[in-house]
Amino acid sequence: MHRFFILVSLLLTSACTSTSGYLLTFYADDQAVPERFEICHGYSCRYKAQASLPKSTWQSVKILFIAPSNAAQERDKIAQAIALLESEAGKLSGIKNDLPKSVKTKDTYGQQDCIDETVNTTTYLRMLQSDNLLRWHVVSTPVRRGYFVDSRWPHNSATVKETLTGQLYAVDSWPRANGEQPDIKPVALWYQEGRNW
């Protein structure tokens, strides 16, 4: 029995399990503005770094949202904006070498698990929303899937909700390296994934 608890403890510390997806909303920087925001890293927000974007970077983000004429186009722009923001924040906060997924490294400083990624992506999405750049979506509550007993690793993702249809979309940066576009897909589809990690 003792070995069972040790095994469970090891599994819990090796996956994105320390916080419920619903509670991750409270970790995101709800006072974030391009001039001042926090970046989580080190797995489960162990470290937080302050960042400030150059005005030119935020202007580049704003330009992305001039043209979207429907929700699908706006999701493409959201993916581009998150990649741009991650890339710039990476240079400013020491996470520029963040690898895809929760890789095992000697030191997790500068690396991100899905909790860090979810918190940071939610922060970026809130910044977009606060500047009225989102016309077809609103930022929603992070989601969680996987509980080991269902043969899946626990995993979290930021989300947006399409305003016209109410469709919820995962905005998942975790599978990608820093500065790469996140996966954006319906949450119903996202929930079905993750059985082969």
N, C-alpha and C. Protein backbone atom coordinates (compact mmCIF):
# COMPACT_ATOMS: atom_id res chain seq x y z
N MET A 1 0.83 -1.20 0.00
CA MET A 1 0.00 0.00 0.00
C MET A 1 0.87 1.26 0.00
N HIS A 2 1.97 1.21 0.76
CA HIS A 2 2.88 2.35 0.84
C HIS A 2 3.44 2.68 -0.55
N ARG A 3 3.80 1.63 -1.32
CA ARG A 3 4.33 1.85 -2.67
C ARG A 3 3.29 2.50 -3.58
N PHE A 4 2.02 2.13 -3.39
CA PHE A 4 0.95 2.72 -4.19
C PHE A 4 0.91 4.23 -3.99
N PHE A 5 0.98 4.68 -2.74
CA PHE A 5 0.93 6.11 -2.46
C PHE A 5 2.15 6.85 -2.99
N ILE A 6 3.31 6.19 -2.95
CA ILE A 6 4.52 6.79 -3.52
C ILE A 6 4.36 6.94 -5.03
N LEU A 7 3.82 5.89 -5.69
CA LEU A 7 3.60 5.95 -7.13
C LEU A 7 2.63 7.06 -7.49
N VAL A 8 1.53 7.17 -6.78
CA VAL A 8 0.55 8.23 -7.04
C VAL A 8 1.18 9.59 -6.84
N SER A 9 1.98 9.75 -5.79
CA SER A 9 2.65 11.03 -5.54
C SER A 9 3.58 11.40 -6.68
N LEU A 10 4.33 10.42 -7.18
CA LEU A 10 5.23 10.68 -8.30
C LEU A 10 4.46 11.07 -9.55
N LEU A 11 3.36 10.39 -9.80
CA LEU A 11 2.55 10.73 -10.96
C LEU A 11 1.98 12.13 -10.85
N LEU A 12 1.54 12.49 -9.68
CA LEU A 12 0.95 13.82 -9.49
C LEU A 12 1.97 14.93 -9.69
N THR A 13 3.21 14.67 -9.30
CA THR A 13 4.23 15.71 -9.46
C THR A 13 4.81 15.74 -10.86
N SER A 14 4.48 14.75 -11.69
CA SER A 14 5.04 14.73 -13.04
C SER A 14 4.04 15.18 -14.10
N ALA A 15 2.87 15.58 -13.68
CA ALA A 15 1.85 16.02 -14.63
C ALA A 15 1.25 17.33 -14.17
N CYS A 16 0.35 17.86 -14.96
CA CYS A 16 -0.27 19.14 -14.65
C CYS A 16 -1.45 18.94 -13.72
N THR A 17 -1.18 18.62 -12.47
CA THR A 17 -2.27 18.19 -11.60
C THR A 17 -2.46 19.05 -10.36
N SER A 18 -1.64 20.04 -10.15
CA SER A 18 -1.68 20.69 -8.84
C SER A 18 -2.85 21.64 -8.66
N THR A 19 -3.50 22.02 -9.74
CA THR A 19 -4.58 22.98 -9.62
C THR A 19 -5.71 22.61 -10.56
N SER A 20 -6.92 22.69 -10.06
CA SER A 20 -8.08 22.46 -10.92
C SER A 20 -8.13 23.51 -12.01
N GLY A 21 -8.57 23.10 -13.21
CA GLY A 21 -8.68 24.04 -14.32
C GLY A 21 -9.50 25.26 -13.97
N TYR A 22 -10.57 25.07 -13.20
CA TYR A 22 -11.43 26.19 -12.86
C TYR A 22 -10.73 27.21 -11.99
N LEU A 23 -9.81 26.76 -11.13
CA LEU A 23 -9.12 27.67 -10.24
C LEU A 23 -8.00 28.43 -10.93
N LEU A 24 -7.56 27.96 -12.10
CA LEU A 24 -6.46 28.61 -12.79
C LEU A 24 -6.81 30.04 -13.20
N THR A 25 -8.08 30.32 -13.36
CA THR A 25 -8.51 31.68 -13.69
C THR A 25 -7.95 32.67 -12.69
N PHE A 26 -7.89 32.28 -11.43
CA PHE A 26 -7.47 33.20 -10.38
C PHE A 26 -5.96 33.41 -10.36
N TYR A 27 -5.21 32.51 -11.00
CA TYR A 27 -3.77 32.68 -11.09
C TYR A 27 -3.39 33.67 -12.18
N ALA A 28 -4.21 33.77 -13.20
CA ALA A 28 -3.91 34.68 -14.30
C ALA A 28 -3.91 36.12 -13.79
N ASP A 29 -3.10 36.94 -14.39
CA ASP A 29 -2.95 38.34 -13.98
C ASP A 29 -4.15 39.14 -14.49
N ASP A 30 -5.12 39.37 -13.60
CA ASP A 30 -6.33 40.07 -14.04
C ASP A 30 -6.14 41.58 -14.11
N GLN A 31 -4.97 42.06 -13.72
CA GLN A 31 -4.64 43.48 -13.86
C GLN A 31 -3.65 43.71 -15.01
N ALA A 32 -3.47 42.68 -15.81
CA ALA A 32 -2.44 42.73 -16.86
C ALA A 32 -2.75 43.79 -17.91
N VAL A 33 -1.75 44.54 -18.25
CA VAL A 33 -1.78 45.46 -19.38
C VAL A 33 -0.46 45.26 -20.11
N PRO A 34 -0.39 45.62 -21.39
CA PRO A 34 0.86 45.39 -22.13
C PRO A 34 2.09 45.98 -21.46
N GLU A 35 1.90 47.05 -20.71
CA GLU A 35 3.05 47.70 -20.06
C GLU A 35 3.51 46.98 -18.80
N ARG A 36 2.64 46.09 -18.24
CA ARG A 36 3.03 45.39 -17.00
C ARG A 36 2.16 44.16 -16.81
N PHE A 37 2.78 42.99 -16.83
CA PHE A 37 2.07 41.75 -16.58
C PHE A 37 3.03 40.69 -16.06
N GLU A 38 2.47 39.62 -15.50
CA GLU A 38 3.27 38.54 -14.93
C GLU A 38 3.28 37.32 -15.83
N ILE A 39 4.41 36.62 -15.82
CA ILE A 39 4.58 35.38 -16.56
C ILE A 39 4.89 34.27 -15.57
N CYS A 40 4.13 33.18 -15.63
CA CYS A 40 4.39 32.00 -14.80
C CYS A 40 5.35 31.05 -15.50
N HIS A 41 6.22 30.42 -14.72
CA HIS A 41 7.06 29.35 -15.26
C HIS A 41 7.60 28.52 -14.11
N GLY A 42 8.37 27.49 -14.46
CA GLY A 42 8.96 26.63 -13.43
C GLY A 42 8.06 25.50 -12.98
N TYR A 43 6.92 25.32 -13.64
CA TYR A 43 5.91 24.30 -13.35
C TYR A 43 5.03 24.72 -12.17
N SER A 44 3.75 24.83 -12.45
CA SER A 44 2.73 25.21 -11.46
C SER A 44 2.97 26.61 -10.89
N CYS A 45 3.44 27.52 -11.74
CA CYS A 45 3.69 28.91 -11.34
C CYS A 45 4.67 29.02 -10.17
N ARG A 46 5.65 28.14 -10.17
CA ARG A 46 6.66 28.20 -9.11
C ARG A 46 7.41 29.52 -9.13
N TYR A 47 7.66 30.03 -10.34
CA TYR A 47 8.31 31.32 -10.50
C TYR A 47 7.38 32.27 -11.25
N LYS A 48 7.49 33.54 -10.94
CA LYS A 48 6.75 34.56 -11.68
C LYS A 48 7.72 35.67 -12.07
N ALA A 49 7.62 36.07 -13.32
CA ALA A 49 8.49 37.13 -13.83
C ALA A 49 7.63 38.30 -14.29
N GLN A 50 8.11 39.50 -14.07
CA GLN A 50 7.43 40.70 -14.55
C GLN A 50 7.88 40.98 -15.98
N ALA A 51 6.95 41.38 -16.81
CA ALA A 51 7.28 41.70 -18.19
C ALA A 51 6.57 42.97 -18.62
N SER A 52 7.15 43.64 -19.60
CA SER A 52 6.57 44.86 -20.15
C SER A 52 6.85 44.87 -21.65
N LEU A 53 5.78 44.93 -22.45
CA LEU A 53 5.96 44.87 -23.90
C LEU A 53 6.33 46.23 -24.47
N PRO A 54 7.21 46.25 -25.45
CA PRO A 54 7.43 47.50 -26.19
C PRO A 54 6.13 47.90 -26.90
N LYS A 55 5.89 49.18 -27.03
CA LYS A 55 4.68 49.66 -27.70
C LYS A 55 4.56 49.10 -29.11
N SER A 56 5.69 48.92 -29.77
CA SER A 56 5.67 48.41 -31.15
C SER A 56 5.13 46.98 -31.20
N THR A 57 5.42 46.18 -30.18
CA THR A 57 4.91 44.81 -30.15
C THR A 57 3.40 44.79 -30.00
N TRP A 58 2.88 45.60 -29.07
CA TRP A 58 1.44 45.62 -28.88
C TRP A 58 0.74 46.19 -30.12
N GLN A 59 1.38 47.13 -30.78
CA GLN A 59 0.82 47.67 -32.02
C GLN A 59 0.73 46.57 -33.08
N SER A 60 1.74 45.70 -33.13
CA SER A 60 1.72 44.58 -34.07
C SER A 60 0.58 43.62 -33.75
N VAL A 61 0.32 43.43 -32.48
CA VAL A 61 -0.81 42.59 -32.05
C VAL A 61 -2.12 43.23 -32.49
N LYS A 62 -2.27 44.51 -32.26
CA LYS A 62 -3.51 45.21 -32.61
C LYS A 62 -3.79 45.14 -34.12
N ILE A 63 -2.74 45.24 -34.92
CA ILE A 63 -2.90 45.18 -36.37
C ILE A 63 -3.49 43.85 -36.81
N LEU A 64 -3.14 42.78 -36.10
CA LEU A 64 -3.68 41.46 -36.45
C LEU A 64 -5.20 41.43 -36.44
N PHE A 65 -5.81 42.24 -35.58
CA PHE A 65 -7.26 42.15 -35.37
C PHE A 65 -8.06 43.18 -36.17
N ILE A 66 -7.42 43.82 -37.13
CA ILE A 66 -8.14 44.79 -37.96
C ILE A 66 -9.06 44.07 -38.95
N ALA A 67 -8.62 42.94 -39.50
CA ALA A 67 -9.32 42.33 -40.64
C ALA A 67 -10.30 41.20 -40.37
N PRO A 68 -10.28 40.49 -39.22
CA PRO A 68 -11.15 39.31 -39.11
C PRO A 68 -12.62 39.63 -39.37
N SER A 69 -13.24 38.87 -40.29
CA SER A 69 -14.64 39.11 -40.63
C SER A 69 -15.56 38.02 -40.12
N ASN A 70 -14.99 37.01 -39.44
CA ASN A 70 -15.81 35.97 -38.82
C ASN A 70 -15.03 35.32 -37.67
N ALA A 71 -15.70 34.45 -36.94
CA ALA A 71 -15.10 33.86 -35.74
C ALA A 71 -13.89 32.98 -36.08
N ALA A 72 -13.97 32.22 -37.15
CA ALA A 72 -12.85 31.35 -37.53
C ALA A 72 -11.60 32.16 -37.84
N GLN A 73 -11.76 33.26 -38.56
CA GLN A 73 -10.62 34.12 -38.85
C GLN A 73 -10.06 34.72 -37.56
N GLU A 74 -10.96 35.09 -36.65
CA GLU A 74 -10.48 35.67 -35.39
C GLU A 74 -9.69 34.64 -34.58
N ARG A 75 -10.10 33.38 -34.60
CA ARG A 75 -9.32 32.35 -33.89
C ARG A 75 -7.93 32.22 -34.49
N ASP A 76 -7.82 32.34 -35.81
CA ASP A 76 -6.49 32.33 -36.44
C ASP A 76 -5.65 33.51 -35.93
N LYS A 77 -6.28 34.66 -35.80
CA LYS A 77 -5.58 35.85 -35.32
C LYS A 77 -5.19 35.69 -33.85
N ILE A 78 -6.06 35.06 -33.07
CA ILE A 78 -5.74 34.79 -31.66
C ILE A 78 -4.49 33.92 -31.57
N ALA A 79 -4.42 32.87 -32.40
CA ALA A 79 -3.25 32.00 -32.40
C ALA A 79 -1.98 32.78 -32.75
N GLN A 80 -2.08 33.64 -33.75
CA GLN A 80 -0.92 34.46 -34.14
C GLN A 80 -0.51 35.41 -33.02
N ALA A 81 -1.51 36.02 -32.38
CA ALA A 81 -1.22 36.97 -31.30
C ALA A 81 -0.57 36.28 -30.11
N ILE A 82 -1.08 35.10 -29.73
CA ILE A 82 -0.49 34.37 -28.60
C ILE A 82 0.96 34.01 -28.91
N ALA A 83 1.23 33.56 -30.13
CA ALA A 83 2.61 33.23 -30.52
C ALA A 83 3.51 34.45 -30.42
N LEU A 84 3.03 35.58 -30.91
CA LEU A 84 3.81 36.81 -30.87
C LEU A 84 4.06 37.25 -29.42
N LEU A 85 3.03 37.19 -28.60
CA LEU A 85 3.17 37.59 -27.20
C LEU A 85 4.09 36.65 -26.44
N GLU A 86 3.96 35.35 -26.69
CA GLU A 86 4.85 34.39 -26.05
C GLU A 86 6.30 34.64 -26.43
N SER A 87 6.52 34.89 -27.70
CA SER A 87 7.88 35.12 -28.18
C SER A 87 8.51 36.33 -27.51
N GLU A 88 7.76 37.43 -27.47
CA GLU A 88 8.28 38.65 -26.85
C GLU A 88 8.43 38.48 -25.34
N ALA A 89 7.43 37.88 -24.70
CA ALA A 89 7.51 37.66 -23.26
C ALA A 89 8.65 36.72 -22.92
N GLY A 90 8.92 35.78 -23.81
CA GLY A 90 10.03 34.86 -23.60
C GLY A 90 11.36 35.57 -23.52
N LYS A 91 11.54 36.56 -24.36
CA LYS A 91 12.78 37.34 -24.33
C LYS A 91 12.89 38.16 -23.05
N LEU A 92 11.75 38.60 -22.54
CA LEU A 92 11.73 39.49 -21.39
C LEU A 92 11.77 38.77 -20.05
N SER A 93 11.39 37.49 -20.04
CA SER A 93 11.19 36.82 -18.75
C SER A 93 12.02 35.55 -18.56
N GLY A 94 12.84 35.18 -19.50
CA GLY A 94 13.67 34.00 -19.33
C GLY A 94 13.03 32.69 -19.76
N ILE A 95 11.89 32.74 -20.48
CA ILE A 95 11.23 31.50 -20.92
C ILE A 95 11.37 31.28 -22.43
N LYS A 96 12.28 31.99 -23.05
CA LYS A 96 12.38 31.90 -24.52
C LYS A 96 12.78 30.51 -25.00
N ASN A 97 13.39 29.70 -24.13
CA ASN A 97 13.81 28.35 -24.51
C ASN A 97 12.85 27.28 -24.01
N ASP A 98 11.63 27.69 -23.64
CA ASP A 98 10.64 26.72 -23.17
C ASP A 98 10.36 25.70 -24.26
N LEU A 99 10.43 24.43 -23.89
CA LEU A 99 10.22 23.33 -24.83
C LEU A 99 8.76 22.92 -24.86
N PRO A 100 8.32 22.23 -25.92
CA PRO A 100 6.93 21.78 -25.94
C PRO A 100 6.67 20.73 -24.87
N LYS A 101 5.46 20.72 -24.36
CA LYS A 101 5.01 19.78 -23.33
C LYS A 101 5.85 19.93 -22.06
N SER A 102 5.55 19.11 -21.08
CA SER A 102 6.24 19.21 -19.78
C SER A 102 7.44 18.27 -19.78
N VAL A 103 8.49 18.70 -20.43
CA VAL A 103 9.69 17.85 -20.54
C VAL A 103 10.40 17.77 -19.20
N LYS A 104 11.09 16.68 -19.00
CA LYS A 104 11.89 16.51 -17.79
C LYS A 104 13.23 17.20 -18.01
N THR A 105 13.52 18.18 -17.20
CA THR A 105 14.81 18.87 -17.27
C THR A 105 15.40 18.92 -15.88
N LYS A 106 16.70 19.11 -15.81
CA LYS A 106 17.38 19.18 -14.51
C LYS A 106 16.86 20.35 -13.69
N ASP A 107 16.60 21.44 -14.36
CA ASP A 107 16.07 22.63 -13.70
C ASP A 107 14.87 23.11 -14.49
N THR A 108 13.72 23.25 -13.84
CA THR A 108 12.51 23.67 -14.54
C THR A 108 12.41 25.18 -14.69
N TYR A 109 13.39 25.93 -14.19
CA TYR A 109 13.37 27.39 -14.36
C TYR A 109 13.34 27.72 -15.85
N GLY A 110 12.35 28.52 -16.23
CA GLY A 110 12.21 28.90 -17.64
C GLY A 110 11.38 27.92 -18.46
N GLN A 111 11.07 26.75 -17.89
CA GLN A 111 10.22 25.79 -18.57
C GLN A 111 8.78 25.92 -18.05
N GLN A 112 7.81 25.48 -18.84
CA GLN A 112 6.41 25.64 -18.46
C GLN A 112 5.66 24.32 -18.60
N ASP A 113 4.89 24.00 -17.57
CA ASP A 113 3.95 22.89 -17.70
C ASP A 113 2.61 23.46 -18.17
N CYS A 114 1.57 22.63 -18.23
CA CYS A 114 0.30 23.12 -18.76
C CYS A 114 -0.36 24.14 -17.83
N ILE A 115 -0.01 24.11 -16.56
CA ILE A 115 -0.57 25.11 -15.64
C ILE A 115 0.03 26.48 -15.96
N ASP A 116 1.35 26.54 -16.08
CA ASP A 116 1.99 27.80 -16.47
C ASP A 116 1.43 28.31 -17.80
N GLU A 117 1.35 27.40 -18.77
CA GLU A 117 0.87 27.79 -20.11
C GLU A 117 -0.57 28.29 -20.06
N THR A 118 -1.41 27.62 -19.29
CA THR A 118 -2.81 28.02 -19.19
C THR A 118 -2.95 29.39 -18.54
N VAL A 119 -2.21 29.60 -17.47
CA VAL A 119 -2.25 30.89 -16.78
C VAL A 119 -1.76 32.00 -17.70
N ASN A 120 -0.64 31.79 -18.36
CA ASN A 120 -0.07 32.83 -19.23
C ASN A 120 -0.97 33.11 -20.43
N THR A 121 -1.49 32.05 -21.05
CA THR A 121 -2.37 32.24 -22.20
C THR A 121 -3.64 32.98 -21.79
N THR A 122 -4.18 32.65 -20.62
CA THR A 122 -5.36 33.36 -20.11
C THR A 122 -5.03 34.84 -19.89
N THR A 123 -3.85 35.12 -19.37
CA THR A 123 -3.42 36.51 -19.20
C THR A 123 -3.37 37.23 -20.54
N TYR A 124 -2.76 36.61 -21.55
CA TYR A 124 -2.67 37.23 -22.87
C TYR A 124 -4.07 37.47 -23.46
N LEU A 125 -4.94 36.47 -23.31
CA LEU A 125 -6.30 36.61 -23.83
C LEU A 125 -7.04 37.75 -23.14
N ARG A 126 -6.85 37.89 -21.84
CA ARG A 126 -7.50 38.99 -21.12
C ARG A 126 -6.98 40.34 -21.60
N MET A 127 -5.69 40.39 -21.92
CA MET A 127 -5.14 41.64 -22.45
C MET A 127 -5.78 41.99 -23.78
N LEU A 128 -5.97 40.99 -24.64
CA LEU A 128 -6.64 41.22 -25.92
C LEU A 128 -8.07 41.71 -25.70
N GLN A 129 -8.76 41.07 -24.78
CA GLN A 129 -10.14 41.44 -24.51
C GLN A 129 -10.25 42.83 -23.89
N SER A 130 -9.34 43.14 -22.97
CA SER A 130 -9.38 44.45 -22.31
C SER A 130 -9.16 45.60 -23.29
N ASP A 131 -8.43 45.33 -24.36
CA ASP A 131 -8.19 46.36 -25.38
C ASP A 131 -9.23 46.30 -26.50
N ASN A 132 -10.31 45.56 -26.25
CA ASN A 132 -11.43 45.46 -27.21
C ASN A 132 -11.00 44.93 -28.58
N LEU A 133 -10.03 44.03 -28.59
CA LEU A 133 -9.56 43.47 -29.86
C LEU A 133 -10.37 42.25 -30.28
N LEU A 134 -11.09 41.63 -29.34
CA LEU A 134 -11.89 40.45 -29.66
C LEU A 134 -13.32 40.86 -29.98
N ARG A 135 -13.74 40.57 -31.19
CA ARG A 135 -15.10 40.90 -31.61
C ARG A 135 -16.02 39.68 -31.59
N TRP A 136 -15.45 38.51 -31.88
CA TRP A 136 -16.24 37.30 -32.06
C TRP A 136 -16.13 36.32 -30.89
N HIS A 137 -15.30 36.64 -29.90
CA HIS A 137 -15.07 35.74 -28.78
C HIS A 137 -14.97 36.52 -27.47
N VAL A 138 -15.18 35.80 -26.37
CA VAL A 138 -14.89 36.31 -25.03
C VAL A 138 -14.00 35.29 -24.34
N VAL A 139 -13.18 35.76 -23.42
CA VAL A 139 -12.32 34.87 -22.65
C VAL A 139 -13.19 34.09 -21.67
N SER A 140 -12.95 32.80 -21.57
CA SER A 140 -13.73 31.95 -20.68
C SER A 140 -12.83 31.28 -19.65
N THR A 141 -13.42 30.42 -18.85
CA THR A 141 -12.72 29.73 -17.76
C THR A 141 -11.85 28.60 -18.30
N PRO A 142 -10.64 28.44 -17.79
CA PRO A 142 -9.81 27.30 -18.22
C PRO A 142 -10.52 25.97 -17.97
N VAL A 143 -10.14 24.99 -18.78
CA VAL A 143 -10.72 23.65 -18.68
C VAL A 143 -9.65 22.64 -18.30
N ARG A 144 -10.11 21.49 -17.81
CA ARG A 144 -9.21 20.42 -17.39
C ARG A 144 -9.75 19.09 -17.89
N ARG A 145 -8.83 18.21 -18.26
CA ARG A 145 -9.21 16.85 -18.65
C ARG A 145 -8.20 15.88 -18.03
N GLY A 146 -8.61 14.60 -17.92
CA GLY A 146 -7.70 13.55 -17.46
C GLY A 146 -7.60 13.45 -15.95
N TYR A 147 -7.81 12.23 -15.45
CA TYR A 147 -7.74 12.00 -14.01
C TYR A 147 -7.04 10.68 -13.69
N PHE A 148 -6.15 10.23 -14.56
CA PHE A 148 -5.44 8.96 -14.43
C PHE A 148 -6.38 7.76 -14.53
N VAL A 149 -7.48 7.75 -13.74
CA VAL A 149 -8.38 6.60 -13.75
C VAL A 149 -9.07 6.44 -15.10
N ASP A 150 -9.10 7.50 -15.90
CA ASP A 150 -9.68 7.40 -17.24
C ASP A 150 -8.61 7.20 -18.31
N SER A 151 -7.43 6.75 -17.87
CA SER A 151 -6.29 6.44 -18.76
C SER A 151 -5.72 7.67 -19.45
N ARG A 152 -5.87 8.84 -18.82
CA ARG A 152 -5.30 10.06 -19.40
C ARG A 152 -4.56 10.85 -18.33
N TRP A 153 -3.48 11.50 -18.76
CA TRP A 153 -2.76 12.41 -17.88
C TRP A 153 -3.62 13.66 -17.67
N PRO A 154 -3.59 14.23 -16.49
CA PRO A 154 -4.29 15.50 -16.27
C PRO A 154 -3.68 16.60 -17.13
N HIS A 155 -4.54 17.46 -17.63
CA HIS A 155 -4.09 18.53 -18.53
C HIS A 155 -5.07 19.69 -18.47
N ASN A 156 -4.57 20.90 -18.61
CA ASN A 156 -5.37 22.12 -18.55
C ASN A 156 -5.17 22.95 -19.80
N SER A 157 -6.13 23.81 -20.09
CA SER A 157 -6.00 24.72 -21.23
C SER A 157 -6.82 25.99 -20.99
N ALA A 158 -6.33 27.09 -21.53
CA ALA A 158 -7.11 28.33 -21.58
C ALA A 158 -8.23 28.14 -22.60
N THR A 159 -9.26 28.98 -22.53
CA THR A 159 -10.37 28.86 -23.47
C THR A 159 -10.91 30.23 -23.89
N VAL A 160 -11.56 30.24 -25.04
CA VAL A 160 -12.38 31.37 -25.48
C VAL A 160 -13.74 30.82 -25.89
N LYS A 161 -14.77 31.65 -25.77
CA LYS A 161 -16.11 31.25 -26.18
C LYS A 161 -16.56 32.12 -27.34
N GLU A 162 -17.01 31.46 -28.41
CA GLU A 162 -17.54 32.19 -29.55
C GLU A 162 -18.88 32.82 -29.14
N THR A 163 -19.01 34.11 -29.35
CA THR A 163 -20.17 34.83 -28.82
C THR A 163 -21.47 34.48 -29.52
N LEU A 164 -21.45 34.23 -30.83
CA LEU A 164 -22.68 33.96 -31.56
C LEU A 164 -23.23 32.57 -31.30
N THR A 165 -22.35 31.59 -31.16
CA THR A 165 -22.79 30.20 -31.03
C THR A 165 -22.68 29.66 -29.61
N GLY A 166 -21.87 30.29 -28.77
CA GLY A 166 -21.62 29.76 -27.43
C GLY A 166 -20.62 28.62 -27.42
N GLN A 167 -20.05 28.30 -28.60
CA GLN A 167 -19.07 27.22 -28.71
C GLN A 167 -17.81 27.58 -27.95
N LEU A 168 -17.32 26.65 -27.13
CA LEU A 168 -16.11 26.85 -26.33
C LEU A 168 -14.92 26.24 -27.07
N TYR A 169 -13.82 26.98 -27.12
CA TYR A 169 -12.60 26.53 -27.79
C TYR A 169 -11.43 26.52 -26.82
N ALA A 170 -10.67 25.43 -26.82
CA ALA A 170 -9.42 25.37 -26.07
C ALA A 170 -8.37 26.16 -26.84
N VAL A 171 -7.59 26.93 -26.11
CA VAL A 171 -6.44 27.65 -26.68
C VAL A 171 -5.23 27.09 -25.94
N ASP A 172 -4.64 26.04 -26.49
CA ASP A 172 -3.67 25.21 -25.79
C ASP A 172 -2.25 25.44 -26.30
N SER A 173 -1.45 26.15 -25.52
CA SER A 173 -0.07 26.45 -25.88
C SER A 173 0.90 25.35 -25.46
N TRP A 174 0.48 24.48 -24.57
CA TRP A 174 1.37 23.49 -23.98
C TRP A 174 2.04 22.55 -24.97
N PRO A 175 1.36 22.08 -26.03
CA PRO A 175 2.04 21.16 -26.95
C PRO A 175 3.12 21.80 -27.81
N ARG A 176 3.25 23.11 -27.77
CA ARG A 176 4.16 23.83 -28.66
C ARG A 176 5.29 24.50 -27.88
N ALA A 177 6.41 24.71 -28.56
CA ALA A 177 7.53 25.44 -27.97
C ALA A 177 7.17 26.92 -27.84
N ASN A 178 7.91 27.62 -27.02
CA ASN A 178 7.66 29.05 -26.83
C ASN A 178 7.67 29.78 -28.16
N GLY A 179 6.64 30.61 -28.38
CA GLY A 179 6.56 31.42 -29.59
C GLY A 179 5.89 30.74 -30.76
N GLU A 180 5.49 29.48 -30.61
CA GLU A 180 4.75 28.80 -31.67
C GLU A 180 3.25 28.97 -31.44
N GLN A 181 2.47 28.92 -32.50
CA GLN A 181 1.03 29.13 -32.37
C GLN A 181 0.39 27.99 -31.58
N PRO A 182 -0.50 28.33 -30.65
CA PRO A 182 -1.19 27.30 -29.86
C PRO A 182 -2.19 26.53 -30.70
N ASP A 183 -2.56 25.35 -30.20
CA ASP A 183 -3.66 24.60 -30.80
C ASP A 183 -4.96 25.26 -30.37
N ILE A 184 -5.84 25.55 -31.31
CA ILE A 184 -7.17 26.07 -30.98
C ILE A 184 -8.19 25.12 -31.61
N LYS A 185 -9.01 24.52 -30.76
CA LYS A 185 -9.98 23.54 -31.24
C LYS A 185 -11.16 23.50 -30.28
N PRO A 186 -12.32 23.00 -30.76
CA PRO A 186 -13.47 22.90 -29.87
C PRO A 186 -13.13 22.10 -28.62
N VAL A 187 -13.59 22.56 -27.47
CA VAL A 187 -13.29 21.88 -26.22
C VAL A 187 -13.79 20.44 -26.23
N ALA A 188 -14.93 20.19 -26.87
CA ALA A 188 -15.45 18.82 -26.95
C ALA A 188 -14.43 17.89 -27.61
N LEU A 189 -13.75 18.37 -28.64
CA LEU A 189 -12.71 17.58 -29.31
C LEU A 189 -11.47 17.49 -28.43
N TRP A 190 -11.10 18.59 -27.82
CA TRP A 190 -9.93 18.63 -26.92
C TRP A 190 -10.10 17.64 -25.77
N TYR A 191 -11.30 17.52 -25.21
CA TYR A 191 -11.57 16.59 -24.12
C TYR A 191 -11.30 15.13 -24.51
N GLN A 192 -11.48 14.81 -25.78
CA GLN A 192 -11.34 13.43 -26.23
C GLN A 192 -9.89 13.03 -26.42
N GLU A 193 -8.98 13.97 -26.42
CA GLU A 193 -7.56 13.68 -26.69
C GLU A 193 -6.82 13.35 -25.40
N GLY A 194 -5.56 12.96 -25.59
CA GLY A 194 -4.68 12.80 -24.43
C GLY A 194 -4.56 11.40 -23.89
N ARG A 195 -4.95 10.39 -24.64
CA ARG A 195 -4.86 9.03 -24.12
C ARG A 195 -3.50 8.37 -24.39
N ASN A 196 -2.66 8.99 -25.18
CA ASN A 196 -1.38 8.36 -25.53
C ASN A 196 -0.16 9.15 -25.08
N TRP A 197 -0.32 9.96 -24.04
CA TRP A 197 0.83 10.74 -23.58
C TRP A 197 1.80 9.86 -22.85
